[in-house]
Protein backbone atom coordinates (compact mmCIF):
# COMPACT_ATOMS: atom_id res chain seq x y z
CA UNK A 1 20.31 47.95 5.99
CA UNK A 2 20.87 49.47 2.56
CA UNK A 3 22.30 47.82 -0.52
CA UNK A 4 25.83 48.93 0.24
CA UNK A 5 25.50 47.89 3.86
CA UNK A 6 24.65 44.35 2.87
CA UNK A 7 27.79 44.13 0.78
CA UNK A 8 29.98 45.67 3.47
CA UNK A 9 28.79 42.96 5.85
CA UNK A 10 30.23 40.39 3.46
CA UNK A 11 33.75 41.73 3.82
CA UNK A 12 36.34 38.96 3.78
CA UNK A 13 39.47 38.79 5.89
CA UNK A 14 42.46 40.89 4.86
CA UNK A 15 45.01 39.15 2.67
CA UNK A 16 48.68 39.15 3.55
CA UNK A 17 51.15 40.57 1.04
CA UNK A 18 52.75 37.24 0.23
CA UNK A 19 49.57 35.17 0.33
CA UNK A 20 48.57 33.03 -2.64
CA UNK A 21 45.89 34.40 -5.01
CA UNK A 22 46.54 37.98 -3.91
CA UNK A 23 45.34 39.69 -7.08
CA UNK A 24 46.33 43.17 -5.95
CA UNK A 25 49.94 42.23 -5.28
CA UNK A 26 50.04 40.40 -8.62
CA UNK A 27 49.08 43.63 -10.42
CA UNK A 28 51.65 45.65 -8.51
CA UNK A 29 54.31 43.04 -9.24
CA UNK A 30 53.52 43.04 -12.98
CA UNK A 31 53.72 46.83 -13.13
CA UNK A 32 57.03 46.80 -11.28
CA UNK A 33 58.53 44.07 -13.47
CA UNK A 34 57.48 45.79 -16.68
CA UNK A 35 59.03 49.04 -15.48
CA UNK A 36 62.29 47.29 -14.57
CA UNK A 37 62.46 45.47 -17.91
CA UNK A 38 61.93 48.60 -19.98
CA UNK A 39 64.27 50.51 -17.70
CA UNK A 40 67.06 48.02 -18.34
CA UNK A 41 66.52 48.24 -22.09
CA UNK A 42 66.57 52.01 -21.87
CA UNK A 43 69.88 51.92 -20.00
CA UNK A 44 71.33 49.70 -22.72
CA UNK A 45 70.26 52.24 -25.34
CA UNK A 46 71.86 55.06 -23.37
CA UNK A 47 75.09 53.10 -22.95
CA UNK A 48 75.21 52.56 -26.69
CA UNK A 49 74.88 56.32 -27.29
CA UNK A 50 71.35 55.96 -28.65
CA UNK A 51 68.77 58.65 -27.93
CA UNK A 52 65.61 58.36 -25.87
CA UNK A 53 63.67 58.99 -29.08
CA UNK A 54 65.24 55.90 -30.63
CA UNK A 55 64.25 53.86 -27.58
CA UNK A 56 60.64 55.03 -27.79
CA UNK A 57 60.43 54.45 -31.55
CA UNK A 58 62.17 51.07 -31.64
CA UNK A 59 60.96 49.52 -28.38
CA UNK A 60 58.43 51.45 -26.33
CA UNK A 61 55.98 52.13 -29.14
CA UNK A 62 55.19 48.40 -29.28
CA UNK A 63 53.89 48.53 -25.71
CA UNK A 64 52.07 51.89 -25.50
CA UNK A 65 48.82 52.57 -27.30
CA UNK A 66 48.66 54.97 -30.25
CA UNK A 67 45.63 57.15 -30.83
CA UNK A 68 45.47 56.48 -34.57
CA UNK A 69 43.53 53.36 -35.51
CA UNK A 70 45.71 52.58 -38.53
CA UNK A 71 48.71 52.35 -36.20
CA UNK A 72 46.75 50.34 -33.66
CA UNK A 73 46.06 47.69 -36.33
CA UNK A 74 49.71 46.67 -36.32
CA UNK A 75 49.92 46.40 -32.53
CA UNK A 76 46.42 45.71 -31.13
CA UNK A 77 47.90 44.20 -27.96
CA UNK A 78 48.93 47.70 -26.88
CA UNK A 79 45.33 48.30 -25.76
CA UNK A 80 46.27 46.01 -22.84
CA UNK A 81 50.02 46.43 -22.42
CA UNK A 82 49.86 50.24 -22.17
CA UNK A 83 48.22 50.02 -18.75
CA UNK A 84 51.37 48.42 -17.30
CA UNK A 85 53.92 50.83 -18.81
CA UNK A 86 55.35 53.83 -16.93
CA UNK A 87 58.09 56.19 -18.08
CA UNK A 88 59.51 57.39 -14.76
CA UNK A 89 60.18 55.84 -11.38
CA UNK A 90 58.21 58.59 -9.65
CA UNK A 91 55.19 57.86 -11.79
CA UNK A 92 55.24 54.11 -11.17
CA UNK A 93 55.82 54.48 -7.41
CA UNK A 94 53.00 57.02 -6.99
CA UNK A 95 50.61 54.97 -9.12
CA UNK A 96 51.37 51.76 -7.22
CA UNK A 97 50.75 53.51 -3.91
CA UNK A 98 47.33 54.67 -5.13
CA UNK A 99 46.64 51.21 -6.56
CA UNK A 100 47.47 49.61 -3.23
CA UNK A 101 45.36 52.15 -1.28
CA UNK A 102 42.17 51.64 -3.29
CA UNK A 103 42.81 48.06 -4.38
CA UNK A 104 43.29 46.77 -0.83
CA UNK A 105 39.88 48.16 0.15
CA UNK A 106 38.18 46.67 -2.91
CA UNK A 107 39.87 43.31 -2.39
CA UNK A 108 39.00 43.15 1.32
CA UNK A 109 35.34 43.89 0.59
CA UNK A 110 34.70 41.96 -2.63
CA UNK A 111 37.47 39.38 -2.72
CA UNK A 112 40.49 38.88 -4.95
CA UNK A 113 38.45 37.92 -8.04
CA UNK A 114 37.19 41.47 -8.60
CA UNK A 115 40.35 43.59 -8.57
CA UNK A 116 41.90 42.35 -11.82
CA UNK A 117 38.67 42.52 -13.89
CA UNK A 118 38.05 46.09 -12.72
CA UNK A 119 41.66 46.99 -13.55
CA UNK A 120 41.35 45.62 -17.09
CA UNK A 121 37.89 47.05 -17.74
CA UNK A 122 39.09 50.45 -16.56
CA UNK A 123 42.14 50.27 -18.82
CA UNK A 124 40.15 49.15 -21.84
CA UNK A 125 37.53 51.85 -21.31
CA UNK A 126 40.30 54.40 -20.94
CA UNK A 127 41.81 53.24 -24.23
CA UNK A 128 38.42 53.47 -25.96
CA UNK A 129 37.77 56.99 -24.71
CA UNK A 130 41.31 58.00 -25.62
CA UNK A 131 40.91 56.92 -29.24
CA UNK A 132 37.41 58.40 -29.44
CA UNK A 133 38.65 61.79 -28.25
CA UNK A 134 41.41 61.74 -30.87
CA UNK A 135 38.79 61.54 -33.61
CA UNK A 136 36.05 63.68 -32.08
CA UNK A 137 38.03 66.65 -30.72
CA UNK A 138 39.58 68.76 -33.51
CA UNK A 139 42.48 70.04 -31.40
CA UNK A 140 43.42 66.46 -30.48
CA UNK A 141 42.86 65.10 -33.96
CA UNK A 142 45.45 67.48 -35.38
CA UNK A 143 48.08 65.68 -33.26
CA UNK A 144 46.78 62.14 -33.71
CA UNK A 145 49.98 60.98 -35.40
CA UNK A 146 52.10 61.78 -32.36
CA UNK A 147 50.05 61.12 -29.23
CA UNK A 148 49.93 57.82 -27.36
CA UNK A 149 48.64 56.49 -24.05
CA UNK A 150 50.62 54.83 -21.28
CA UNK A 151 50.30 54.24 -17.56
CA UNK A 152 47.83 52.65 -15.14
CA UNK A 153 45.95 55.85 -14.31
CA UNK A 154 42.66 54.89 -15.98
CA UNK A 155 42.76 51.42 -14.39
CA UNK A 156 43.54 52.83 -10.94
CA UNK A 157 40.74 55.36 -11.23
CA UNK A 158 38.38 52.50 -12.12
CA UNK A 159 39.41 50.64 -8.96
CA UNK A 160 39.02 53.83 -6.91
CA UNK A 161 35.49 54.39 -8.22
CA UNK A 162 34.59 50.72 -7.71
CA UNK A 163 35.82 50.74 -4.11
CA UNK A 164 33.94 53.96 -3.40
CA UNK A 165 30.76 52.66 -5.02
CA UNK A 166 30.74 49.41 -3.04
CA UNK A 167 31.58 50.96 0.34
CA UNK A 168 31.15 54.76 0.32
CA UNK A 169 31.06 54.93 4.13
CA UNK A 170 34.46 53.25 4.51
CA UNK A 171 36.88 55.37 6.53
CA UNK A 172 40.65 55.47 6.39
CA UNK A 173 42.86 56.31 9.39
CA UNK A 174 40.03 55.87 11.94
CA UNK A 175 42.34 57.08 14.71
CA UNK A 176 42.14 60.60 13.25
CA UNK A 177 38.89 61.93 14.65
CA UNK A 178 36.83 59.04 13.35
CA UNK A 179 38.68 58.63 10.07
CA UNK A 180 38.60 60.11 6.57
CA UNK A 181 35.67 59.02 4.36
CA UNK A 182 36.77 57.05 1.31
CA UNK A 183 34.86 59.31 -1.07
CA UNK A 184 37.00 62.26 0.10
CA UNK A 185 40.23 60.36 -0.67
CA UNK A 186 38.81 59.36 -4.05
CA UNK A 187 37.95 62.99 -4.80
CA UNK A 188 41.50 64.02 -3.93
CA UNK A 189 42.90 61.37 -6.25
CA UNK A 190 40.59 62.47 -9.08
CA UNK A 191 41.75 66.07 -8.71
CA UNK A 192 45.41 65.02 -8.69
CA UNK A 193 44.97 62.69 -11.67
CA UNK A 194 43.21 65.30 -13.79
CA UNK A 195 45.66 68.01 -12.78
CA UNK A 196 48.58 65.82 -13.87
CA UNK A 197 47.15 65.75 -17.38
CA UNK A 198 48.24 69.36 -17.97
CA UNK A 199 45.23 69.99 -20.18
CA UNK A 200 45.81 66.93 -22.38
CA UNK A 201 42.23 66.30 -23.41
CA UNK A 202 42.85 62.81 -24.76
CA UNK A 203 44.43 61.78 -21.47
CA UNK A 204 41.59 63.36 -19.50
CA UNK A 205 39.06 61.48 -21.61
CA UNK A 206 40.88 58.21 -20.84
CA UNK A 207 40.56 58.97 -17.11
CA UNK A 208 36.87 59.60 -17.56
CA UNK A 209 36.50 56.26 -19.32
CA UNK A 210 38.26 54.45 -16.50
CA UNK A 211 36.11 56.13 -13.84
CA UNK A 212 32.92 55.29 -15.72
CA UNK A 213 33.99 51.66 -16.15
CA UNK A 214 34.74 51.21 -12.45
CA UNK A 215 31.45 52.73 -11.34
CA UNK A 216 29.41 50.78 -13.91
CA UNK A 217 31.15 47.51 -13.07
CA UNK A 218 30.43 47.83 -9.37
CA UNK A 219 26.87 49.00 -9.89
CA UNK A 220 26.27 45.84 -11.92
CA UNK A 221 28.14 43.72 -9.36
CA UNK A 222 25.87 44.89 -6.55
CA UNK A 223 22.89 43.75 -8.61
CA UNK A 224 24.33 40.24 -8.93
CA UNK A 225 25.91 40.55 -12.40
CA UNK A 226 29.63 39.87 -12.28
CA UNK A 227 31.30 41.14 -15.47
CA UNK A 228 34.57 39.61 -14.35
CA UNK A 229 33.26 36.05 -14.17
CA UNK A 230 34.41 35.15 -17.68
CA UNK A 231 37.90 36.46 -16.93
CA UNK A 232 38.21 34.28 -13.86
CA UNK A 233 36.87 31.24 -15.71
CA UNK A 234 39.30 31.86 -18.57
CA UNK A 235 42.15 32.16 -16.09
CA UNK A 236 41.17 28.89 -14.36
CA UNK A 237 40.93 27.12 -17.70
CA UNK A 238 44.36 28.40 -18.71
CA UNK A 239 45.92 27.33 -15.39
CA UNK A 240 44.35 23.86 -15.67
CA UNK A 241 46.09 23.39 -19.02
CA UNK A 242 49.39 23.25 -17.15
CA UNK A 243 48.06 20.98 -14.40
CA UNK A 244 46.30 18.15 -16.29
CA UNK A 245 47.34 15.54 -13.75
CA UNK A 246 45.86 17.49 -10.88
CA UNK A 247 42.37 17.43 -12.28
CA UNK A 248 42.68 13.80 -13.32
CA UNK A 249 43.97 12.65 -9.95
CA UNK A 250 41.02 14.25 -8.22
CA UNK A 251 38.66 12.24 -10.37
CA UNK A 252 40.59 9.02 -9.71
CA UNK A 253 40.61 9.57 -5.97
CA UNK A 254 36.88 10.14 -5.99
CA UNK A 255 36.27 7.02 -8.03
CA UNK A 256 38.56 4.85 -5.94
CA UNK A 257 37.19 5.97 -2.59
CA UNK A 258 33.50 6.45 -3.31
CA UNK A 259 32.76 4.24 -6.31
CA UNK A 260 35.43 1.57 -6.77
CA UNK A 261 34.78 -0.33 -3.54
CA UNK A 262 36.06 -3.70 -4.76
CA UNK A 263 34.33 -6.56 -2.97
CA UNK A 264 32.91 -4.33 -0.28
CA UNK A 265 29.15 -4.09 -0.19
CA UNK A 266 27.55 -0.66 -0.02
CA UNK A 267 26.29 0.52 3.31
CA UNK A 268 22.74 -0.58 4.09
CA UNK A 269 20.78 1.01 6.85
CA UNK A 270 19.41 -1.67 9.17
CA UNK A 271 16.81 -1.06 11.81
CA UNK A 272 17.13 -2.51 15.28
CA UNK A 273 14.77 -5.48 15.58
CA UNK A 274 12.63 -5.46 18.70
CA UNK A 275 9.59 -7.43 19.73
CA UNK A 276 7.50 -4.27 19.63
CA UNK A 277 8.40 -3.68 15.97
CA UNK A 278 7.58 -7.26 15.03
CA UNK A 279 4.21 -7.06 16.76
CA UNK A 280 3.34 -3.80 14.97
CA UNK A 281 4.31 -5.31 11.61
CA UNK A 282 2.18 -8.42 12.25
CA UNK A 283 -0.75 -6.20 13.19
CA UNK A 284 -0.27 -4.29 9.93
CA UNK A 285 -0.32 -7.55 7.97
CA UNK A 286 -3.56 -8.57 9.65
CA UNK A 287 -5.19 -5.23 8.80
CA UNK A 288 -3.74 -4.33 5.37
CA UNK A 289 -2.06 -7.44 4.03
CA UNK A 290 1.57 -8.40 3.38
CA UNK A 291 1.83 -6.24 0.25
CA UNK A 292 1.32 -3.10 2.34
CA UNK A 293 4.70 -3.61 4.05
CA UNK A 294 7.66 -1.47 3.09
CA UNK A 295 11.00 -2.98 2.10
CA UNK A 296 12.41 -2.09 5.50
CA UNK A 297 9.56 -3.86 7.28
CA UNK A 298 10.00 -6.94 5.13
CA UNK A 299 13.70 -7.00 5.94
CA UNK A 300 12.88 -6.79 9.64
CA UNK A 301 10.62 -9.85 9.37
CA UNK A 302 13.25 -11.72 7.40
CA UNK A 303 15.88 -10.93 9.99
CA UNK A 304 13.55 -11.80 12.85
CA UNK A 305 12.82 -15.21 11.35
CA UNK A 306 16.43 -16.23 12.00
CA UNK A 307 16.61 -14.89 15.54
CA UNK A 308 14.91 -15.91 18.78
CA UNK A 309 12.86 -13.37 20.68
């Protein structure tokens, strides 16, 4: 069995949509909530006769990532928030469908602790490549003041590449003549994603960064190096801050049950005393002396001295 085959054999059970710790559904929910929140604010602007330009300048620009570093200094958090922002309902619905398609495969194979790290690494790599292209490509640099990055495309492409790298032989819709190989679906998504860029080189570079991040992450993961471990540990630490009693109670229960036994004596293993054992111990004393006896053998003699055989 090859390297990928060994990992496919470790596939966990499928998670239900409403199940706890479902990382994929958490990402989809965050994207949906962010879209609804910005959509409501946009409606308020429209009702107050404000323009869409005013909405983008006064609100949206603090959530999407600019290409110019001097602008990024004032809102560095946009390198993360941009990957949850979508401008149209069609865009967010299509992206969430792709996220669910690839993310469910990745989560079923690797578990729920991989999806979110891949999503964030893909988004951060996409942001890095986006900014780099704005400074390295002259045609993009001439528009650096006006271009910005938004949407989960780079993150979704990272998840698509990670899922394909970990299980390239996975097939979707197996009822259709044996199924469609996952790498074919991934190729279709790549073509669609790049075509939607309409020649925007900065956007295309961000997609390339996301794809590279997903492939590199999973290649490292298959070798036993989990780049998402620190994210999960940070998350657990943060959650424990809000549940201090939970951790403490566990320690108290352990102490009370296993250590604080009160007047009870600890369990002592006692051997069954038989005449045969006593005879063998006496023979050992005759041959090797009393000091050669083990503690258990001494206890047997002590117990036998108070009983009749």
